[in-house]
Each structure stands twice: as structure tokens, then as C-alpha cells.
Amino acid sequence: MAVLIDRRSKVLIQGITGSNGAFHARQCLEYGTKIVAGVTPGKGGESFDPQNGKPKPVPIFDTVEEAKRKTGANVSAIFVPAAFAMDAMVEAIDAEMDVVVCITEGIPAYDMVRVKRYLDGKKTRLIGPNCPGLITPGECKVGIMPGYIHKKGGVGIVSRSGTLTYEAVWQLTQRGIGQSTCIGIGGDPIIGTGFVDALDLFNNDRQTKAVVMIGEIGGTQEEEAAEFIRRHVKKPVVAFIAGQTAPPGRRMGHAGAIISQGTGTAASKMEALKRAKVEVVKSPASIGEAMAKKLRRGRARG
């Protein structure tokens, strides 16, 4: 069992003819992802050349609805410019895609307010925007993460930071610890799937035995996640909060990573997680070893 995507997922790429979309579509294909369609308005009927030894070009359609109807696609990855990203997300939601992964950064907050409201009552799960995507190692990659650092296994990863996701994955892989699914939720103030959503998925996934959670300063997602963990999650959780030395009011890279009026500090998030019995590490360099110890203790008790 995998979270959100697996080898059966049929993926379409919105913006496949752009430079970013084309590059990452080829990377995903090389990883083994089943990309069945591309969508670029005005280029329907053309095809995308994988250029990786695959004998079959990927058909391009004008709309997501047509691509889904003709190929059975159920997952969409969005690589369109920020000015058109809201329309791309709405189009994928209207087509009732199961999962939509929006990689695009720089989307106006007002556009995301509208998308977030539009998602209410819809079947689609949105990952992102401004995120690295998600991967179920050995099965399917929908995003921009380097596939070679991942190893199939039982640790779920959910993170606001793309770079720290890769760091945590590599530490685990070097220790022989595989991952079930890795979800980069994105660092913008308004996103589709948050920590609580991802933790709920991992908590109900039989393959996932433990979870790494990587948060940042700004907002209240991590405190809400801590309360959810305290009430519902029985699996071991290791967490790291980035921005521990950030002064109040200072933006730290992501649009969502800002402390205001005494809330959203690293200290408040770390304390909330500790109260929920989460092992909180002070340095990202300690994530892998902390998880290894958690798993060893679990095996010893078992």
C-alpha cells in the first residue's frame, strides 16, 4: 500500500512543452513513472518526445478533461508559469483528478485563496504549490526531487522544505532505511495538503512504520500537527523545525516562513511537538540517526 501515488498511477503533465515541464517529465519517465499525457492549450494532437529510449511518444492534449477521458490519467503535475497556475489547478480540479501536484512557485496569495476555496467539496487532493512534489520510491515520482537518493521502505516524510526533504531522505537511505512516500507540501502561506492531512494519510498507511516531519517558522501548521499527533498518531515521529535563529519579522526564504506578533516561532513549534512526545532534533544533520534509533528501539520492543 502506498500513499497517494504508486506504480499504477497514470500521470499527465500540464505545461509539458515548457522547458521545466519537458525536463522534469523526462526525469520522471526515466524513474519509471507512467506519464500518459501532456496538456498544453493549442498544441493538442502533437506529441512529446521522451528522448530517453522510450519507443512511444507522449500524446499532448488541449485540455485536462480530454487527456483524462482518452488516457485514464488520474494524477496531474503542473509546471506552468505562476500567472496561469490558478487556471491550471482549477482545470485539473474540474476534471476530478485524484491528485494534483503544483510545482510552480510565485503564485499570488489571492489566487491560492480562490483555489483553496474552490477545493471545498471536491474529490481532488492538491499538493503544493511551490513544492518539490511527491514520490513513492521504486514506483512513481511526480515532482522535481532526485530519484536516485530514495530507497523503498517504511518511513514517511512530510516537509515544507524541498532541500531539507532531500537531506533527510539521503541520511535515511545511507543508513539502509527506506521511505514509503515522501511529500513536499510547499512553503507558501496557503497550500492544498498540510501537515495534518499528510500525517493522517501516513497514520492509516500499513507500509508506513514511522514519520519524519520537517517544519519551518511561520504559521501554525506545526502546532496543529502536534495536537493531531498527540491525539491520533501511534507511530514514531521525528521532527525538525527550520529557522531556529530567525529574528521576529524576518522572512526566511519561503513566503510562509515569517514570524509575526510572537507566533510561529521555532521555539513554540518545537515545544508543542515535544509535548506530543515527538522526538525533536535541533539540527537537520541529526534526522537520520534519530530515526534509526527510533526504529531500533521499536524492533527491540517487538
C-alpha atoms as a PDB file:
ATOM      1  CA  MET A   1       0.000   0.000   0.000  1.00  0.00           C
ATOM      2  CA  ALA A   2       1.324   3.469  -0.883  1.00  0.00           C
ATOM      3  CA  VAL A   3       0.212   6.984  -0.063  1.00  0.00           C
ATOM      4  CA  LEU A   4      -1.344   8.985  -2.935  1.00  0.00           C
ATOM      5  CA  ILE A   5       0.711   7.532  -5.818  1.00  0.00           C
ATOM      6  CA  ASP A   6       2.073   4.141  -6.821  1.00  0.00           C
ATOM      7  CA  ARG A   7       3.130   2.184  -9.916  1.00  0.00           C
ATOM      8  CA  ARG A   8      -0.474   2.136 -11.142  1.00  0.00           C
ATOM      9  CA  SER A   9      -0.766   5.939 -11.218  1.00  0.00           C
ATOM     10  CA  LYS A  10      -1.313   7.464 -14.639  1.00  0.00           C
ATOM     11  CA  VAL A  11       0.249  10.916 -14.750  1.00  0.00           C
ATOM     12  CA  LEU A  12      -0.305  13.879 -17.046  1.00  0.00           C
ATOM     13  CA  ILE A  13       1.925  16.942 -17.195  1.00  0.00           C
ATOM     14  CA  GLN A  14       0.327  20.380 -17.534  1.00  0.00           C
ATOM     15  CA  GLY A  15       2.924  22.526 -19.255  1.00  0.00           C
ATOM     16  CA  ILE A  16       4.863  19.599 -20.755  1.00  0.00           C
ATOM     17  CA  THR A  17       6.113  21.691 -23.683  1.00  0.00           C
ATOM     18  CA  GLY A  18       7.766  24.306 -21.461  1.00  0.00           C
ATOM     19  CA  SER A  19      11.439  23.918 -20.570  1.00  0.00           C
ATOM     20  CA  ASN A  20      10.782  22.962 -16.924  1.00  0.00           C
ATOM     21  CA  GLY A  21       7.875  20.691 -17.761  1.00  0.00           C
ATOM     22  CA  ALA A  22       9.806  18.917 -20.506  1.00  0.00           C
ATOM     23  CA  PHE A  23      12.941  18.416 -18.414  1.00  0.00           C
ATOM     24  CA  HIS A  24      11.131  17.026 -15.383  1.00  0.00           C
ATOM     25  CA  ALA A  25       8.746  14.936 -17.477  1.00  0.00           C
ATOM     26  CA  ARG A  26      11.785  13.148 -18.887  1.00  0.00           C
ATOM     27  CA  GLN A  27      13.254  12.716 -15.407  1.00  0.00           C
ATOM     28  CA  CYS A  28      10.001  11.219 -14.153  1.00  0.00           C
ATOM     29  CA  LEU A  29       9.784   8.898 -17.164  1.00  0.00           C
ATOM     30  CA  GLU A  30      13.339   7.711 -16.574  1.00  0.00           C
ATOM     31  CA  TYR A  31      12.411   6.935 -12.977  1.00  0.00           C
ATOM     32  CA  GLY A  32       9.597   4.721 -14.201  1.00  0.00           C
ATOM     33  CA  THR A  33       6.603   7.000 -13.745  1.00  0.00           C
ATOM     34  CA  LYS A  34       3.768   6.190 -16.126  1.00  0.00           C
ATOM     35  CA  ILE A  35       3.257   9.514 -17.908  1.00  0.00           C
ATOM     36  CA  VAL A  36       0.328   9.026 -20.271  1.00  0.00           C
ATOM     37  CA  ALA A  37      -0.372  12.576 -21.450  1.00  0.00           C
ATOM     38  CA  GLY A  38       0.738  16.165 -21.666  1.00  0.00           C
ATOM     39  CA  VAL A  39      -1.535  19.214 -21.692  1.00  0.00           C
ATOM     40  CA  THR A  40      -0.702  22.448 -23.486  1.00  0.00           C
ATOM     41  CA  PRO A  41      -3.574  24.544 -24.885  1.00  0.00           C
ATOM     42  CA  GLY A  42      -3.215  24.987 -28.637  1.00  0.00           C
ATOM     43  CA  LYS A  43      -0.877  22.026 -29.073  1.00  0.00           C
ATOM     44  CA  GLY A  44      -3.415  19.236 -28.944  1.00  0.00           C
ATOM     45  CA  GLY A  45      -2.633  16.480 -31.453  1.00  0.00           C
ATOM     46  CA  GLU A  46       1.120  16.941 -31.142  1.00  0.00           C
ATOM     47  CA  SER A  47       3.344  14.608 -29.117  1.00  0.00           C
ATOM     48  CA  PHE A  48       6.164  14.876 -26.604  1.00  0.00           C
ATOM     49  CA  ASP A  49       9.397  13.036 -27.359  1.00  0.00           C
ATOM     50  CA  PRO A  50      10.751  11.440 -24.164  1.00  0.00           C
ATOM     51  CA  GLN A  51      14.309  11.250 -25.609  1.00  0.00           C
ATOM     52  CA  ASN A  52      15.201   8.514 -23.152  1.00  0.00           C
ATOM     53  CA  GLY A  53      14.910   5.390 -25.225  1.00  0.00           C
ATOM     54  CA  LYS A  54      11.188   5.058 -24.722  1.00  0.00           C
ATOM     55  CA  PRO A  55       9.639   3.976 -28.036  1.00  0.00           C
ATOM     56  CA  LYS A  56       6.290   5.669 -27.504  1.00  0.00           C
ATOM     57  CA  PRO A  57       5.918   9.492 -27.589  1.00  0.00           C
ATOM     58  CA  VAL A  58       3.534  11.054 -25.063  1.00  0.00           C
ATOM     59  CA  PRO A  59       0.365  12.499 -26.671  1.00  0.00           C
ATOM     60  CA  ILE A  60      -0.452  16.150 -25.998  1.00  0.00           C
ATOM     61  CA  PHE A  61      -3.998  17.416 -25.482  1.00  0.00           C
ATOM     62  CA  ASP A  62      -5.568  20.869 -25.302  1.00  0.00           C
ATOM     63  CA  THR A  63      -7.397  20.229 -22.011  1.00  0.00           C
ATOM     64  CA  VAL A  64      -7.056  18.117 -18.881  1.00  0.00           C
ATOM     65  CA  GLU A  65     -10.595  16.788 -19.316  1.00  0.00           C
ATOM     66  CA  GLU A  66      -9.796  15.433 -22.788  1.00  0.00           C
ATOM     67  CA  ALA A  67      -6.489  13.966 -21.622  1.00  0.00           C
ATOM     68  CA  LYS A  68      -8.178  12.186 -18.742  1.00  0.00           C
ATOM     69  CA  ARG A  69     -11.014  10.893 -20.896  1.00  0.00           C
ATOM     70  CA  LYS A  70      -8.685   9.483 -23.551  1.00  0.00           C
ATOM     71  CA  THR A  71      -5.844   8.153 -21.389  1.00  0.00           C
ATOM     72  CA  GLY A  72      -7.329   7.426 -17.965  1.00  0.00           C
ATOM     73  CA  ALA A  73      -4.910   9.832 -16.260  1.00  0.00           C
ATOM     74  CA  ASN A  74      -5.617  10.303 -12.543  1.00  0.00           C
ATOM     75  CA  VAL A  75      -2.649  12.422 -11.382  1.00  0.00           C
ATOM     76  CA  SER A  76      -1.617  15.823 -12.732  1.00  0.00           C
ATOM     77  CA  ALA A  77       1.677  17.675 -12.314  1.00  0.00           C
ATOM     78  CA  ILE A  78       1.610  21.411 -13.014  1.00  0.00           C
ATOM     79  CA  PHE A  79       4.690  23.147 -14.455  1.00  0.00           C
ATOM     80  CA  VAL A  80       3.026  26.249 -15.886  1.00  0.00           C
ATOM     81  CA  PRO A  81       4.091  29.865 -15.139  1.00  0.00           C
ATOM     82  CA  ALA A  82       2.680  31.475 -11.999  1.00  0.00           C
ATOM     83  CA  ALA A  83       0.311  33.752 -13.930  1.00  0.00           C
ATOM     84  CA  PHE A  84      -1.529  30.722 -15.333  1.00  0.00           C
ATOM     85  CA  ALA A  85      -1.167  28.312 -12.408  1.00  0.00           C
ATOM     86  CA  MET A  86      -4.528  29.099 -10.804  1.00  0.00           C
ATOM     87  CA  ASP A  87      -6.360  28.323 -14.031  1.00  0.00           C
ATOM     88  CA  ALA A  88      -4.339  25.120 -14.424  1.00  0.00           C
ATOM     89  CA  MET A  89      -5.249  23.975 -10.914  1.00  0.00           C
ATOM     90  CA  VAL A  90      -8.931  24.803 -11.394  1.00  0.00           C
ATOM     91  CA  GLU A  91      -8.955  22.929 -14.702  1.00  0.00           C
ATOM     92  CA  ALA A  92      -7.471  19.823 -13.056  1.00  0.00           C
ATOM     93  CA  ILE A  93      -9.935  20.063 -10.156  1.00  0.00           C
ATOM     94  CA  ASP A  94     -12.847  20.379 -12.601  1.00  0.00           C
ATOM     95  CA  ALA A  95     -11.585  17.252 -14.384  1.00  0.00           C
ATOM     96  CA  GLU A  96     -11.741  15.463 -10.998  1.00  0.00           C
ATOM     97  CA  MET A  97      -8.124  14.346 -10.981  1.00  0.00           C
ATOM     98  CA  ASP A  98      -7.371  12.302  -7.860  1.00  0.00           C
ATOM     99  CA  VAL A  99      -4.126  14.143  -7.096  1.00  0.00           C
ATOM    100  CA  VAL A 100      -2.813  17.453  -8.441  1.00  0.00           C
ATOM    101  CA  VAL A 101       0.809  18.393  -7.746  1.00  0.00           C
ATOM    102  CA  CYS A 102       1.575  22.073  -8.359  1.00  0.00           C
ATOM    103  CA  ILE A 103       5.334  22.668  -8.589  1.00  0.00           C
ATOM    104  CA  THR A 104       5.006  26.324  -9.664  1.00  0.00           C
ATOM    105  CA  GLU A 105       6.384  28.972  -7.309  1.00  0.00           C
ATOM    106  CA  GLY A 106       5.497  32.646  -7.058  1.00  0.00           C
ATOM    107  CA  ILE A 107       1.730  32.179  -7.297  1.00  0.00           C
ATOM    108  CA  PRO A 108      -0.088  35.232  -5.841  1.00  0.00           C
ATOM    109  CA  ALA A 109      -1.657  34.557  -2.443  1.00  0.00           C
ATOM    110  CA  TYR A 110      -5.018  35.841  -3.689  1.00  0.00           C
ATOM    111  CA  ASP A 111      -5.003  33.210  -6.436  1.00  0.00           C
ATOM    112  CA  MET A 112      -4.390  30.496  -3.849  1.00  0.00           C
ATOM    113  CA  VAL A 113      -7.197  31.800  -1.640  1.00  0.00           C
ATOM    114  CA  ARG A 114      -9.524  31.257  -4.578  1.00  0.00           C
ATOM    115  CA  VAL A 115      -8.110  27.790  -5.337  1.00  0.00           C
ATOM    116  CA  LYS A 116      -8.337  26.745  -1.692  1.00  0.00           C
ATOM    117  CA  ARG A 117     -11.988  27.777  -1.572  1.00  0.00           C
ATOM    118  CA  TYR A 118     -12.654  26.054  -4.892  1.00  0.00           C
ATOM    119  CA  LEU A 119     -11.300  22.774  -3.494  1.00  0.00           C
ATOM    120  CA  ASP A 120     -14.063  22.610  -0.869  1.00  0.00           C
ATOM    121  CA  GLY A 121     -16.263  19.614  -1.523  1.00  0.00           C
ATOM    122  CA  LYS A 122     -14.171  18.431  -4.494  1.00  0.00           C
ATOM    123  CA  LYS A 123     -12.581  14.982  -4.809  1.00  0.00           C
ATOM    124  CA  THR A 124      -9.136  16.298  -5.793  1.00  0.00           C
ATOM    125  CA  ARG A 125      -6.215  16.395  -3.364  1.00  0.00           C
ATOM    126  CA  LEU A 126      -3.818  19.279  -4.102  1.00  0.00           C
ATOM    127  CA  ILE A 127      -0.118  19.077  -3.204  1.00  0.00           C
ATOM    128  CA  GLY A 128       1.674  22.435  -3.213  1.00  0.00           C
ATOM    129  CA  PRO A 129       2.140  24.897  -4.753  1.00  0.00           C
ATOM    130  CA  ASN A 130       5.826  25.863  -4.563  1.00  0.00           C
ATOM    131  CA  CYS A 131       6.780  22.312  -3.674  1.00  0.00           C
ATOM    132  CA  PRO A 132       9.099  19.539  -4.893  1.00  0.00           C
ATOM    133  CA  GLY A 133       6.167  17.146  -5.332  1.00  0.00           C
ATOM    134  CA  LEU A 134       5.915  13.595  -4.051  1.00  0.00           C
ATOM    135  CA  ILE A 135       7.499  10.216  -4.631  1.00  0.00           C
ATOM    136  CA  THR A 136       6.759   6.633  -3.699  1.00  0.00           C
ATOM    137  CA  PRO A 137      10.258   5.167  -4.073  1.00  0.00           C
ATOM    138  CA  GLY A 138      10.651   2.456  -6.661  1.00  0.00           C
ATOM    139  CA  GLU A 139       7.152   3.072  -8.016  1.00  0.00           C
ATOM    140  CA  CYS A 140       6.283   6.620  -9.067  1.00  0.00           C
ATOM    141  CA  LYS A 141       7.816  10.107  -8.954  1.00  0.00           C
ATOM    142  CA  VAL A 142       5.716  13.223  -9.570  1.00  0.00           C
ATOM    143  CA  GLY A 143       7.955  16.194  -8.993  1.00  0.00           C
ATOM    144  CA  ILE A 144      11.485  17.530  -9.140  1.00  0.00           C
ATOM    145  CA  MET A 145      13.245  15.515  -6.430  1.00  0.00           C
ATOM    146  CA  PRO A 146      16.331  13.462  -7.420  1.00  0.00           C
ATOM    147  CA  GLY A 147      15.055   9.907  -7.665  1.00  0.00           C
ATOM    148  CA  TYR A 148      18.378   8.157  -7.007  1.00  0.00           C
ATOM    149  CA  ILE A 149      18.594   9.237  -3.360  1.00  0.00           C
ATOM    150  CA  HIS A 150      15.411   7.376  -2.428  1.00  0.00           C
ATOM    151  CA  LYS A 151      15.012   3.811  -1.222  1.00  0.00           C
ATOM    152  CA  LYS A 152      11.785   1.845  -0.858  1.00  0.00           C
ATOM    153  CA  GLY A 153      10.831   1.234   2.761  1.00  0.00           C
ATOM    154  CA  GLY A 154       8.650   2.215   5.664  1.00  0.00           C
ATOM    155  CA  VAL A 155       9.399   5.817   6.711  1.00  0.00           C
ATOM    156  CA  GLY A 156       7.008   8.509   5.514  1.00  0.00           C
ATOM    157  CA  ILE A 157       8.367  12.031   5.079  1.00  0.00           C
ATOM    158  CA  VAL A 158       6.353  15.250   5.045  1.00  0.00           C
ATOM    159  CA  SER A 159       8.139  18.567   4.719  1.00  0.00           C
ATOM    160  CA  ARG A 160       7.677  22.248   3.970  1.00  0.00           C
ATOM    161  CA  SER A 161      11.265  22.451   2.673  1.00  0.00           C
ATOM    162  CA  GLY A 162      12.364  20.776  -0.532  1.00  0.00           C
ATOM    163  CA  THR A 163      16.085  20.902   0.207  1.00  0.00           C
ATOM    164  CA  LEU A 164      15.690  19.530   3.723  1.00  0.00           C
ATOM    165  CA  THR A 165      13.486  16.755   2.352  1.00  0.00           C
ATOM    166  CA  TYR A 166      16.373  15.617   0.173  1.00  0.00           C
ATOM    167  CA  GLU A 167      18.766  15.866   3.124  1.00  0.00           C
ATOM    168  CA  ALA A 168      16.534  13.718   5.332  1.00  0.00           C
ATOM    169  CA  VAL A 169      15.976  11.154   2.570  1.00  0.00           C
ATOM    170  CA  TRP A 170      19.694  10.811   1.874  1.00  0.00           C
ATOM    171  CA  GLN A 171      20.500  10.357   5.565  1.00  0.00           C
ATOM    172  CA  LEU A 172      17.909   7.588   5.816  1.00  0.00           C
ATOM    173  CA  THR A 173      18.998   5.879   2.595  1.00  0.00           C
ATOM    174  CA  GLN A 174      22.649   5.900   3.661  1.00  0.00           C
ATOM    175  CA  ARG A 175      21.597   4.051   6.810  1.00  0.00           C
ATOM    176  CA  GLY A 176      19.658   1.489   4.812  1.00  0.00           C
ATOM    177  CA  ILE A 177      16.308   2.957   5.888  1.00  0.00           C
ATOM    178  CA  GLY A 178      13.783   3.190   3.057  1.00  0.00           C
ATOM    179  CA  GLN A 179      10.850   5.527   2.589  1.00  0.00           C
ATOM    180  CA  SER A 180       7.190   4.730   1.941  1.00  0.00           C
ATOM    181  CA  THR A 181       6.196   8.068   0.378  1.00  0.00           C
ATOM    182  CA  CYS A 182       7.836  11.498   0.590  1.00  0.00           C
ATOM    183  CA  ILE A 183       5.532  14.522   0.370  1.00  0.00           C
ATOM    184  CA  GLY A 184       6.794  18.049  -0.116  1.00  0.00           C
ATOM    185  CA  ILE A 185       3.814  20.149   0.897  1.00  0.00           C
ATOM    186  CA  GLY A 186       5.357  23.514  -0.028  1.00  0.00           C
ATOM    187  CA  GLY A 187       6.279  26.574   1.964  1.00  0.00           C
ATOM    188  CA  ASP A 188       3.693  29.128   0.830  1.00  0.00           C
ATOM    189  CA  PRO A 189       1.164  30.532   3.330  1.00  0.00           C
ATOM    190  CA  ILE A 190      -1.770  28.891   1.510  1.00  0.00           C
ATOM    191  CA  ILE A 191      -1.338  25.329   0.287  1.00  0.00           C
ATOM    192  CA  GLY A 192      -3.527  22.372  -0.535  1.00  0.00           C
ATOM    193  CA  THR A 193      -2.382  19.491   1.657  1.00  0.00           C
ATOM    194  CA  GLY A 194      -0.961  20.396   5.065  1.00  0.00           C
ATOM    195  CA  PHE A 195       0.850  18.528   7.809  1.00  0.00           C
ATOM    196  CA  VAL A 196      -2.309  17.193   9.443  1.00  0.00           C
ATOM    197  CA  ASP A 197      -3.588  15.860   6.118  1.00  0.00           C
ATOM    198  CA  ALA A 198      -0.294  14.102   5.374  1.00  0.00           C
ATOM    199  CA  LEU A 199       0.057  12.721   8.902  1.00  0.00           C
ATOM    200  CA  ASP A 200      -3.446  11.294   8.682  1.00  0.00           C
ATOM    201  CA  LEU A 201      -2.519   9.535   5.422  1.00  0.00           C
ATOM    202  CA  PHE A 202       0.656   8.090   6.922  1.00  0.00           C
ATOM    203  CA  ASN A 203      -1.121   7.092  10.117  1.00  0.00           C
ATOM    204  CA  ASN A 204      -3.561   4.974   8.092  1.00  0.00           C
ATOM    205  CA  ASP A 205      -0.956   3.503   5.738  1.00  0.00           C
ATOM    206  CA  ARG A 206       0.170  -0.008   6.644  1.00  0.00           C
ATOM    207  CA  GLN A 207       3.505   0.352   4.837  1.00  0.00           C
ATOM    208  CA  THR A 208       4.467   3.447   6.844  1.00  0.00           C
ATOM    209  CA  LYS A 209       6.024   2.474  10.181  1.00  0.00           C
ATOM    210  CA  ALA A 210       7.382   5.885  11.228  1.00  0.00           C
ATOM    211  CA  VAL A 211       7.312   9.507  10.065  1.00  0.00           C
ATOM    212  CA  VAL A 212       9.814  12.330   9.575  1.00  0.00           C
ATOM    213  CA  MET A 213       8.238  15.786   9.746  1.00  0.00           C
ATOM    214  CA  ILE A 214      10.176  18.896   8.684  1.00  0.00           C
ATOM    215  CA  GLY A 215       8.638  22.237   9.521  1.00  0.00           C
ATOM    216  CA  GLU A 216       9.617  25.895   9.453  1.00  0.00           C
ATOM    217  CA  ILE A 217       8.972  29.092  11.302  1.00  0.00           C
ATOM    218  CA  GLY A 218       5.791  30.934  10.418  1.00  0.00           C
ATOM    219  CA  GLY A 219       2.143  29.979  10.624  1.00  0.00           C
ATOM    220  CA  THR A 220       0.563  27.436  12.960  1.00  0.00           C
ATOM    221  CA  GLN A 221       0.673  24.240  10.899  1.00  0.00           C
ATOM    222  CA  GLU A 222       3.249  22.569  13.102  1.00  0.00           C
ATOM    223  CA  GLU A 223       1.346  23.302  16.319  1.00  0.00           C
ATOM    224  CA  GLU A 224      -1.807  21.888  14.753  1.00  0.00           C
ATOM    225  CA  ALA A 225       0.176  18.845  13.643  1.00  0.00           C
ATOM    226  CA  ALA A 226       1.487  18.372  17.174  1.00  0.00           C
ATOM    227  CA  GLU A 227      -2.053  18.291  18.544  1.00  0.00           C
ATOM    228  CA  PHE A 228      -3.082  15.794  15.862  1.00  0.00           C
ATOM    229  CA  ILE A 229      -0.098  13.596  16.689  1.00  0.00           C
ATOM    230  CA  ARG A 230      -0.895  13.745  20.398  1.00  0.00           C
ATOM    231  CA  ARG A 231      -4.485  12.669  19.814  1.00  0.00           C
ATOM    232  CA  HIS A 232      -4.218  10.229  16.922  1.00  0.00           C
ATOM    233  CA  VAL A 233      -0.759   9.137  15.762  1.00  0.00           C
ATOM    234  CA  LYS A 234       0.662   5.973  17.310  1.00  0.00           C
ATOM    235  CA  LYS A 235       3.687   5.681  15.026  1.00  0.00           C
ATOM    236  CA  PRO A 236       7.115   7.144  15.939  1.00  0.00           C
ATOM    237  CA  VAL A 237       7.679  10.689  14.682  1.00  0.00           C
ATOM    238  CA  VAL A 238      10.980  12.562  14.354  1.00  0.00           C
ATOM    239  CA  ALA A 239      10.748  16.295  13.640  1.00  0.00           C
ATOM    240  CA  PHE A 240      12.978  19.217  12.754  1.00  0.00           C
ATOM    241  CA  ILE A 241      11.960  22.885  12.645  1.00  0.00           C
ATOM    242  CA  ALA A 242      13.985  25.177  10.360  1.00  0.00           C
ATOM    243  CA  GLY A 243      14.640  28.823  11.177  1.00  0.00           C
ATOM    244  CA  GLN A 244      15.552  28.444  14.853  1.00  0.00           C
ATOM    245  CA  THR A 245      17.806  31.521  14.791  1.00  0.00           C
ATOM    246  CA  ALA A 246      15.468  33.731  12.741  1.00  0.00           C
ATOM    247  CA  PRO A 247      14.621  37.119  14.290  1.00  0.00           C
ATOM    248  CA  PRO A 248      10.930  38.092  14.572  1.00  0.00           C
ATOM    249  CA  GLY A 249       9.527  39.645  11.410  1.00  0.00           C
ATOM    250  CA  ARG A 250      12.262  38.279   9.155  1.00  0.00           C
ATOM    251  CA  ARG A 251      11.314  36.281   6.074  1.00  0.00           C
ATOM    252  CA  MET A 252      13.365  33.131   5.658  1.00  0.00           C
ATOM    253  CA  GLY A 253      13.096  32.066   2.017  1.00  0.00           C
ATOM    254  CA  HIS A 254       9.569  30.706   1.817  1.00  0.00           C
ATOM    255  CA  ALA A 255       6.664  33.120   1.667  1.00  0.00           C
ATOM    256  CA  GLY A 256       5.052  31.279   4.565  1.00  0.00           C
ATOM    257  CA  ALA A 257       8.113  31.325   6.771  1.00  0.00           C
ATOM    258  CA  ILE A 258       7.608  34.534   8.708  1.00  0.00           C
ATOM    259  CA  ILE A 259       7.199  35.133  12.422  1.00  0.00           C
ATOM    260  CA  SER A 260       4.649  37.745  13.431  1.00  0.00           C
ATOM    261  CA  GLN A 261       3.390  39.034  16.783  1.00  0.00           C
ATOM    262  CA  GLY A 262       5.120  36.307  18.764  1.00  0.00           C
ATOM    263  CA  THR A 263       3.529  33.399  16.931  1.00  0.00           C
ATOM    264  CA  GLY A 264       5.081  30.896  14.543  1.00  0.00           C
ATOM    265  CA  THR A 265       8.450  30.772  16.282  1.00  0.00           C
ATOM    266  CA  ALA A 266      10.678  27.725  16.110  1.00  0.00           C
ATOM    267  CA  ALA A 267      10.630  27.500  19.903  1.00  0.00           C
ATOM    268  CA  SER A 268       6.823  27.392  20.118  1.00  0.00           C
ATOM    269  CA  LYS A 269       6.622  24.726  17.431  1.00  0.00           C
ATOM    270  CA  MET A 270       9.351  22.592  18.980  1.00  0.00           C
ATOM    271  CA  GLU A 271       7.752  22.793  22.399  1.00  0.00           C
ATOM    272  CA  ALA A 272       4.343  21.792  21.031  1.00  0.00           C
ATOM    273  CA  LEU A 273       5.871  18.780  19.287  1.00  0.00           C
ATOM    274  CA  LYS A 274       7.773  17.726  22.389  1.00  0.00           C
ATOM    275  CA  ARG A 275       4.546  17.828  24.401  1.00  0.00           C
ATOM    276  CA  ALA A 276       3.129  15.418  21.818  1.00  0.00           C
ATOM    277  CA  LYS A 277       6.032  13.004  22.542  1.00  0.00           C
ATOM    278  CA  VAL A 278       7.680  13.721  19.190  1.00  0.00           C
ATOM    279  CA  GLU A 279      11.468  13.462  19.098  1.00  0.00           C
ATOM    280  CA  VAL A 280      12.577  16.929  18.000  1.00  0.00           C
ATOM    281  CA  VAL A 281      16.148  17.281  16.748  1.00  0.00           C
ATOM    282  CA  LYS A 282      17.999  20.584  16.864  1.00  0.00           C
ATOM    283  CA  SER A 283      19.965  20.042  13.659  1.00  0.00           C
ATOM    284  CA  PRO A 284      18.918  18.600  10.304  1.00  0.00           C
ATOM    285  CA  ALA A 285      22.113  16.551  10.409  1.00  0.00           C
ATOM    286  CA  SER A 286      20.567  14.510  13.237  1.00  0.00           C
ATOM    287  CA  ILE A 287      17.370  13.424  11.466  1.00  0.00           C
ATOM    288  CA  GLY A 288      18.681  10.140  10.089  1.00  0.00           C
ATOM    289  CA  GLU A 289      20.335   8.951  13.283  1.00  0.00           C
ATOM    290  CA  ALA A 290      17.326   9.921  15.400  1.00  0.00           C
ATOM    291  CA  MET A 291      15.033   7.875  13.154  1.00  0.00           C
ATOM    292  CA  ALA A 292      17.464   4.938  13.132  1.00  0.00           C
ATOM    293  CA  LYS A 293      17.406   4.893  16.953  1.00  0.00           C
ATOM    294  CA  LYS A 294      13.608   5.069  16.974  1.00  0.00           C
ATOM    295  CA  LEU A 295      13.358   2.092  14.651  1.00  0.00           C
ATOM    296  CA  ARG A 296      15.954   0.087  16.605  1.00  0.00           C
ATOM    297  CA  ARG A 297      14.040   0.678  19.847  1.00  0.00           C
ATOM    298  CA  GLY A 298      10.819  -0.375  18.129  1.00  0.00           C
ATOM    299  CA  ARG A 299      12.383  -3.638  16.913  1.00  0.00           C
ATOM    300  CA  ALA A 300      13.790  -4.299  20.355  1.00  0.00           C
ATOM    301  CA  ARG A 301      10.352  -3.913  21.939  1.00  0.00           C
ATOM    302  CA  GLY A 302       8.759  -6.036  19.221  1.00  0.00           C
END
